[in-house]
Amino acid sequence: MSAPTPTRSQSLIARATRLDYVDLVFALVFVWGAGDLLSTLVAVNFVGIGAEQNPLVRSLLAISPLLLIALKMGVVLSVALVLLAYRSLVERVPLWRPWLTAIVGVGAFVVVSNVSVAVLSATA
């Protein structure tokens, strides 16, 4: 028996409420880890380190981009492990799913913002 396919009328929020906990944690790791890191490096490549608003990230980039990569991967891995280890506790918190979905959404906005900085500076 196959799973029913979603119709076009289903909203994004309705589909997001069906995401499994592990899916949301993976999305969070992907967006805030790889997405934010790569988009930050692309934006810095086009506009320079001085445009970075986060002083810690700016300092790490000034020393070596590898330090930023190490920090970002360490933080994202730690968050993922904690979220997975405490899954049963998190799932008892009211509105945990919209909260994790919102965090992924904010991360997506940050990635789009970083990419737009690079695109706008490349076209200027």
N, C-alpha and C. Protein backbone atom coordinates (compact mmCIF):
# COMPACT_ATOMS: atom_id res chain seq x y z
N MET A 1 0.84 -1.17 0.00
CA MET A 1 0.00 0.00 0.00
C MET A 1 0.89 1.24 0.00
N SER A 2 0.66 2.12 -0.91
CA SER A 2 1.50 3.31 -1.01
C SER A 2 0.90 4.46 -0.22
N ALA A 3 1.78 5.37 0.19
CA ALA A 3 1.34 6.54 0.95
C ALA A 3 0.63 7.51 0.02
N PRO A 4 -0.40 8.19 0.51
CA PRO A 4 -1.10 9.16 -0.34
C PRO A 4 -0.18 10.33 -0.68
N THR A 5 -0.30 10.80 -1.90
CA THR A 5 0.51 11.94 -2.32
C THR A 5 -0.19 13.23 -1.91
N PRO A 6 0.59 14.23 -1.48
CA PRO A 6 -0.03 15.49 -1.06
C PRO A 6 -0.64 16.22 -2.26
N THR A 7 -1.75 16.89 -2.00
CA THR A 7 -2.39 17.67 -3.05
C THR A 7 -1.77 19.06 -3.08
N ARG A 8 -2.02 19.79 -4.18
CA ARG A 8 -1.47 21.13 -4.33
C ARG A 8 -2.04 22.09 -3.31
N SER A 9 -3.22 21.80 -2.81
CA SER A 9 -3.87 22.74 -1.90
C SER A 9 -3.31 22.69 -0.48
N GLN A 10 -2.54 21.66 -0.20
CA GLN A 10 -1.96 21.59 1.15
C GLN A 10 -0.91 22.68 1.31
N SER A 11 -0.99 23.38 2.40
CA SER A 11 -0.06 24.48 2.64
C SER A 11 1.29 23.95 3.09
N LEU A 12 2.27 24.81 3.01
CA LEU A 12 3.61 24.46 3.46
C LEU A 12 3.60 24.12 4.95
N ILE A 13 2.82 24.84 5.72
CA ILE A 13 2.76 24.58 7.16
C ILE A 13 2.14 23.22 7.44
N ALA A 14 1.12 22.87 6.68
CA ALA A 14 0.48 21.56 6.87
C ALA A 14 1.47 20.44 6.56
N ARG A 15 2.28 20.61 5.52
CA ARG A 15 3.28 19.59 5.20
C ARG A 15 4.39 19.57 6.24
N ALA A 16 4.76 20.73 6.76
CA ALA A 16 5.84 20.79 7.76
C ALA A 16 5.42 20.12 9.06
N THR A 17 4.12 20.13 9.38
CA THR A 17 3.69 19.50 10.62
C THR A 17 3.81 17.99 10.56
N ARG A 18 3.98 17.43 9.38
CA ARG A 18 4.15 15.99 9.26
C ARG A 18 5.62 15.58 9.27
N LEU A 19 6.53 16.55 9.26
CA LEU A 19 7.95 16.19 9.29
C LEU A 19 8.28 15.47 10.58
N ASP A 20 9.05 14.44 10.47
CA ASP A 20 9.52 13.69 11.62
C ASP A 20 10.54 14.52 12.39
N TYR A 21 10.72 14.23 13.64
CA TYR A 21 11.68 14.93 14.49
C TYR A 21 13.08 14.87 13.88
N VAL A 22 13.49 13.70 13.46
CA VAL A 22 14.84 13.53 12.89
C VAL A 22 14.97 14.34 11.60
N ASP A 23 13.91 14.42 10.81
CA ASP A 23 13.94 15.24 9.60
C ASP A 23 14.20 16.71 9.93
N LEU A 24 13.53 17.20 10.96
CA LEU A 24 13.72 18.59 11.36
C LEU A 24 15.14 18.84 11.88
N VAL A 25 15.68 17.90 12.64
CA VAL A 25 17.05 18.04 13.13
C VAL A 25 18.02 18.03 11.95
N PHE A 26 17.80 17.14 11.00
CA PHE A 26 18.65 17.09 9.82
C PHE A 26 18.56 18.40 9.03
N ALA A 27 17.35 18.92 8.87
CA ALA A 27 17.18 20.19 8.16
C ALA A 27 17.90 21.31 8.88
N LEU A 28 17.81 21.33 10.20
CA LEU A 28 18.49 22.34 11.00
C LEU A 28 20.01 22.25 10.79
N VAL A 29 20.55 21.04 10.83
CA VAL A 29 21.99 20.84 10.62
C VAL A 29 22.39 21.27 9.21
N PHE A 30 21.59 20.92 8.23
CA PHE A 30 21.91 21.26 6.85
C PHE A 30 21.89 22.77 6.63
N VAL A 31 20.82 23.43 7.09
CA VAL A 31 20.68 24.87 6.84
C VAL A 31 21.70 25.67 7.64
N TRP A 32 21.78 25.42 8.95
CA TRP A 32 22.67 26.21 9.79
C TRP A 32 24.12 25.77 9.68
N GLY A 33 24.36 24.53 9.29
CA GLY A 33 25.73 24.06 9.13
C GLY A 33 26.25 24.38 7.75
N ALA A 34 25.87 23.55 6.80
CA ALA A 34 26.39 23.70 5.43
C ALA A 34 25.90 24.97 4.76
N GLY A 35 24.60 25.25 4.85
CA GLY A 35 24.04 26.40 4.15
C GLY A 35 24.61 27.72 4.63
N ASP A 36 24.61 27.93 5.94
CA ASP A 36 25.12 29.18 6.48
C ASP A 36 26.62 29.31 6.26
N LEU A 37 27.35 28.23 6.45
CA LEU A 37 28.80 28.27 6.27
C LEU A 37 29.16 28.60 4.82
N LEU A 38 28.60 27.87 3.89
CA LEU A 38 28.95 28.10 2.48
C LEU A 38 28.49 29.47 2.00
N SER A 39 27.29 29.89 2.40
CA SER A 39 26.82 31.20 1.95
C SER A 39 27.63 32.32 2.58
N THR A 40 28.09 32.14 3.81
CA THR A 40 28.95 33.13 4.44
C THR A 40 30.28 33.23 3.70
N LEU A 41 30.87 32.09 3.37
CA LEU A 41 32.14 32.10 2.65
C LEU A 41 32.00 32.72 1.27
N VAL A 42 30.88 32.46 0.60
CA VAL A 42 30.65 33.06 -0.72
C VAL A 42 30.50 34.57 -0.59
N ALA A 43 29.70 35.02 0.38
CA ALA A 43 29.50 36.46 0.57
C ALA A 43 30.80 37.16 0.92
N VAL A 44 31.60 36.57 1.79
CA VAL A 44 32.88 37.16 2.17
C VAL A 44 33.82 37.21 0.98
N ASN A 45 33.75 36.23 0.12
CA ASN A 45 34.58 36.22 -1.08
C ASN A 45 34.27 37.42 -1.98
N PHE A 46 33.01 37.83 -2.02
CA PHE A 46 32.62 38.94 -2.89
C PHE A 46 32.77 40.32 -2.23
N VAL A 47 32.48 40.42 -0.93
CA VAL A 47 32.47 41.74 -0.30
C VAL A 47 33.58 41.95 0.73
N GLY A 48 34.26 40.90 1.10
CA GLY A 48 35.36 41.04 2.06
C GLY A 48 34.93 40.76 3.49
N ILE A 49 35.91 40.53 4.32
CA ILE A 49 35.67 40.17 5.72
C ILE A 49 35.02 41.31 6.49
N GLY A 50 35.35 42.54 6.14
CA GLY A 50 34.83 43.69 6.87
C GLY A 50 33.32 43.80 6.85
N ALA A 51 32.66 43.19 5.89
CA ALA A 51 31.20 43.27 5.80
C ALA A 51 30.51 42.28 6.74
N GLU A 52 31.26 41.32 7.27
CA GLU A 52 30.66 40.34 8.19
C GLU A 52 30.26 41.04 9.48
N GLN A 53 29.01 40.87 9.88
CA GLN A 53 28.47 41.57 11.06
C GLN A 53 28.80 40.87 12.37
N ASN A 54 29.04 39.58 12.35
CA ASN A 54 29.33 38.84 13.57
C ASN A 54 30.82 38.99 13.88
N PRO A 55 31.16 39.61 15.03
CA PRO A 55 32.58 39.84 15.33
C PRO A 55 33.39 38.55 15.52
N LEU A 56 32.77 37.51 16.06
CA LEU A 56 33.49 36.24 16.22
C LEU A 56 33.81 35.65 14.85
N VAL A 57 32.82 35.61 13.97
CA VAL A 57 33.03 35.08 12.62
C VAL A 57 34.06 35.92 11.88
N ARG A 58 33.97 37.24 12.01
CA ARG A 58 34.93 38.13 11.36
C ARG A 58 36.35 37.85 11.84
N SER A 59 36.52 37.65 13.15
CA SER A 59 37.84 37.36 13.71
C SER A 59 38.38 36.03 13.22
N LEU A 60 37.52 35.01 13.21
CA LEU A 60 37.96 33.69 12.75
C LEU A 60 38.33 33.71 11.27
N LEU A 61 37.55 34.43 10.47
CA LEU A 61 37.87 34.55 9.04
C LEU A 61 39.18 35.28 8.82
N ALA A 62 39.46 36.26 9.65
CA ALA A 62 40.71 37.01 9.52
C ALA A 62 41.92 36.12 9.80
N ILE A 63 41.75 35.19 10.74
CA ILE A 63 42.86 34.28 11.06
C ILE A 63 42.96 33.18 10.01
N SER A 64 41.84 32.43 9.83
CA SER A 64 41.80 31.36 8.84
C SER A 64 40.35 30.90 8.68
N PRO A 65 39.89 30.76 7.46
CA PRO A 65 38.53 30.25 7.25
C PRO A 65 38.34 28.84 7.82
N LEU A 66 39.43 28.09 7.95
CA LEU A 66 39.33 26.75 8.52
C LEU A 66 38.86 26.79 9.98
N LEU A 67 39.21 27.85 10.70
CA LEU A 67 38.73 27.99 12.07
C LEU A 67 37.22 28.17 12.11
N LEU A 68 36.69 28.94 11.18
CA LEU A 68 35.24 29.12 11.09
C LEU A 68 34.56 27.79 10.76
N ILE A 69 35.13 27.06 9.82
CA ILE A 69 34.57 25.76 9.45
C ILE A 69 34.56 24.83 10.66
N ALA A 70 35.65 24.78 11.40
CA ALA A 70 35.74 23.92 12.58
C ALA A 70 34.72 24.33 13.64
N LEU A 71 34.62 25.63 13.91
CA LEU A 71 33.66 26.12 14.90
C LEU A 71 32.24 25.80 14.49
N LYS A 72 31.90 26.11 13.25
CA LYS A 72 30.54 25.90 12.76
C LYS A 72 30.16 24.43 12.81
N MET A 73 31.05 23.56 12.36
CA MET A 73 30.75 22.13 12.37
C MET A 73 30.66 21.60 13.80
N GLY A 74 31.50 22.10 14.68
CA GLY A 74 31.44 21.66 16.08
C GLY A 74 30.13 22.06 16.75
N VAL A 75 29.71 23.29 16.51
CA VAL A 75 28.46 23.78 17.12
C VAL A 75 27.27 23.02 16.56
N VAL A 76 27.22 22.88 15.25
CA VAL A 76 26.07 22.20 14.63
C VAL A 76 26.03 20.73 15.04
N LEU A 77 27.17 20.07 15.09
CA LEU A 77 27.20 18.68 15.52
C LEU A 77 26.75 18.55 16.98
N SER A 78 27.21 19.46 17.83
CA SER A 78 26.80 19.43 19.24
C SER A 78 25.29 19.63 19.39
N VAL A 79 24.75 20.60 18.67
CA VAL A 79 23.31 20.85 18.74
C VAL A 79 22.54 19.62 18.26
N ALA A 80 22.97 19.02 17.16
CA ALA A 80 22.29 17.84 16.62
C ALA A 80 22.33 16.69 17.62
N LEU A 81 23.48 16.45 18.22
CA LEU A 81 23.60 15.35 19.18
C LEU A 81 22.73 15.59 20.41
N VAL A 82 22.70 16.81 20.90
CA VAL A 82 21.85 17.12 22.06
C VAL A 82 20.38 16.96 21.70
N LEU A 83 19.98 17.48 20.55
CA LEU A 83 18.58 17.35 20.14
C LEU A 83 18.18 15.89 19.96
N LEU A 84 19.06 15.08 19.41
CA LEU A 84 18.75 13.67 19.24
C LEU A 84 18.76 12.92 20.57
N ALA A 85 19.68 13.26 21.45
CA ALA A 85 19.75 12.59 22.75
C ALA A 85 18.54 12.90 23.62
N TYR A 86 18.02 14.12 23.51
CA TYR A 86 16.89 14.53 24.34
C TYR A 86 15.59 14.59 23.56
N ARG A 87 15.47 13.77 22.55
CA ARG A 87 14.28 13.77 21.70
C ARG A 87 13.00 13.60 22.51
N SER A 88 12.96 12.63 23.40
CA SER A 88 11.72 12.38 24.15
C SER A 88 11.34 13.59 25.00
N LEU A 89 12.31 14.28 25.53
CA LEU A 89 12.03 15.48 26.33
C LEU A 89 11.54 16.62 25.44
N VAL A 90 12.21 16.85 24.32
CA VAL A 90 11.82 17.93 23.41
C VAL A 90 10.42 17.70 22.87
N GLU A 91 10.09 16.47 22.53
CA GLU A 91 8.77 16.18 21.98
C GLU A 91 7.64 16.36 22.99
N ARG A 92 7.95 16.47 24.26
CA ARG A 92 6.92 16.76 25.27
C ARG A 92 6.67 18.25 25.45
N VAL A 93 7.54 19.08 24.88
CA VAL A 93 7.39 20.53 24.98
C VAL A 93 6.29 20.97 24.02
N PRO A 94 5.33 21.78 24.48
CA PRO A 94 4.29 22.26 23.57
C PRO A 94 4.89 23.07 22.41
N LEU A 95 4.37 22.86 21.25
CA LEU A 95 4.77 23.59 20.04
C LEU A 95 6.23 23.36 19.64
N TRP A 96 6.78 22.20 19.96
CA TRP A 96 8.16 21.93 19.60
C TRP A 96 8.35 21.91 18.09
N ARG A 97 7.38 21.36 17.36
CA ARG A 97 7.52 21.25 15.91
C ARG A 97 7.53 22.63 15.23
N PRO A 98 6.59 23.53 15.54
CA PRO A 98 6.68 24.87 14.94
C PRO A 98 7.96 25.60 15.33
N TRP A 99 8.44 25.38 16.54
CA TRP A 99 9.67 26.03 16.99
C TRP A 99 10.87 25.57 16.16
N LEU A 100 11.04 24.26 16.00
CA LEU A 100 12.15 23.76 15.19
C LEU A 100 11.99 24.18 13.73
N THR A 101 10.76 24.17 13.23
CA THR A 101 10.51 24.61 11.86
C THR A 101 10.87 26.08 11.69
N ALA A 102 10.54 26.90 12.68
CA ALA A 102 10.88 28.32 12.62
C ALA A 102 12.39 28.54 12.63
N ILE A 103 13.11 27.75 13.41
CA ILE A 103 14.57 27.87 13.45
C ILE A 103 15.17 27.52 12.10
N VAL A 104 14.64 26.50 11.46
CA VAL A 104 15.10 26.14 10.11
C VAL A 104 14.76 27.27 9.13
N GLY A 105 13.57 27.85 9.28
CA GLY A 105 13.16 28.96 8.41
C GLY A 105 14.05 30.18 8.57
N VAL A 106 14.41 30.51 9.80
CA VAL A 106 15.31 31.64 10.04
C VAL A 106 16.67 31.35 9.41
N GLY A 107 17.13 30.12 9.53
CA GLY A 107 18.39 29.75 8.91
C GLY A 107 18.35 29.88 7.40
N ALA A 108 17.22 29.50 6.81
CA ALA A 108 17.06 29.64 5.36
C ALA A 108 17.09 31.12 4.97
N PHE A 109 16.48 31.97 5.78
CA PHE A 109 16.51 33.41 5.52
C PHE A 109 17.94 33.93 5.59
N VAL A 110 18.72 33.48 6.55
CA VAL A 110 20.13 33.90 6.68
C VAL A 110 20.92 33.47 5.44
N VAL A 111 20.69 32.25 4.98
CA VAL A 111 21.39 31.75 3.79
C VAL A 111 21.03 32.61 2.58
N VAL A 112 19.74 32.87 2.39
CA VAL A 112 19.30 33.71 1.26
C VAL A 112 19.89 35.11 1.37
N SER A 113 19.94 35.64 2.57
CA SER A 113 20.52 36.97 2.79
C SER A 113 21.99 36.99 2.41
N ASN A 114 22.74 35.98 2.84
CA ASN A 114 24.16 35.90 2.49
C ASN A 114 24.36 35.80 0.98
N VAL A 115 23.57 34.97 0.34
CA VAL A 115 23.70 34.79 -1.11
C VAL A 115 23.32 36.08 -1.82
N SER A 116 22.30 36.78 -1.32
CA SER A 116 21.91 38.03 -1.98
C SER A 116 23.00 39.08 -1.87
N VAL A 117 23.72 39.11 -0.76
CA VAL A 117 24.86 40.02 -0.62
C VAL A 117 25.89 39.73 -1.69
N ALA A 118 26.18 38.46 -1.89
CA ALA A 118 27.17 38.08 -2.92
C ALA A 118 26.68 38.43 -4.31
N VAL A 119 25.42 38.14 -4.60
CA VAL A 119 24.89 38.41 -5.94
C VAL A 119 24.84 39.90 -6.21
N LEU A 120 24.37 40.67 -5.24
CA LEU A 120 24.29 42.13 -5.43
C LEU A 120 25.66 42.76 -5.61
N SER A 121 26.64 42.27 -4.87
CA SER A 121 27.98 42.85 -5.03
C SER A 121 28.62 42.40 -6.34
N ALA A 122 28.27 41.23 -6.81
CA ALA A 122 28.83 40.75 -8.08
C ALA A 122 28.26 41.50 -9.26
N THR A 123 27.01 41.95 -9.14
CA THR A 123 26.37 42.67 -10.25
C THR A 123 26.64 44.16 -10.20
N ALA A 124 27.17 44.64 -9.09
CA ALA A 124 27.42 46.10 -8.95
C ALA A 124 28.69 46.52 -9.64
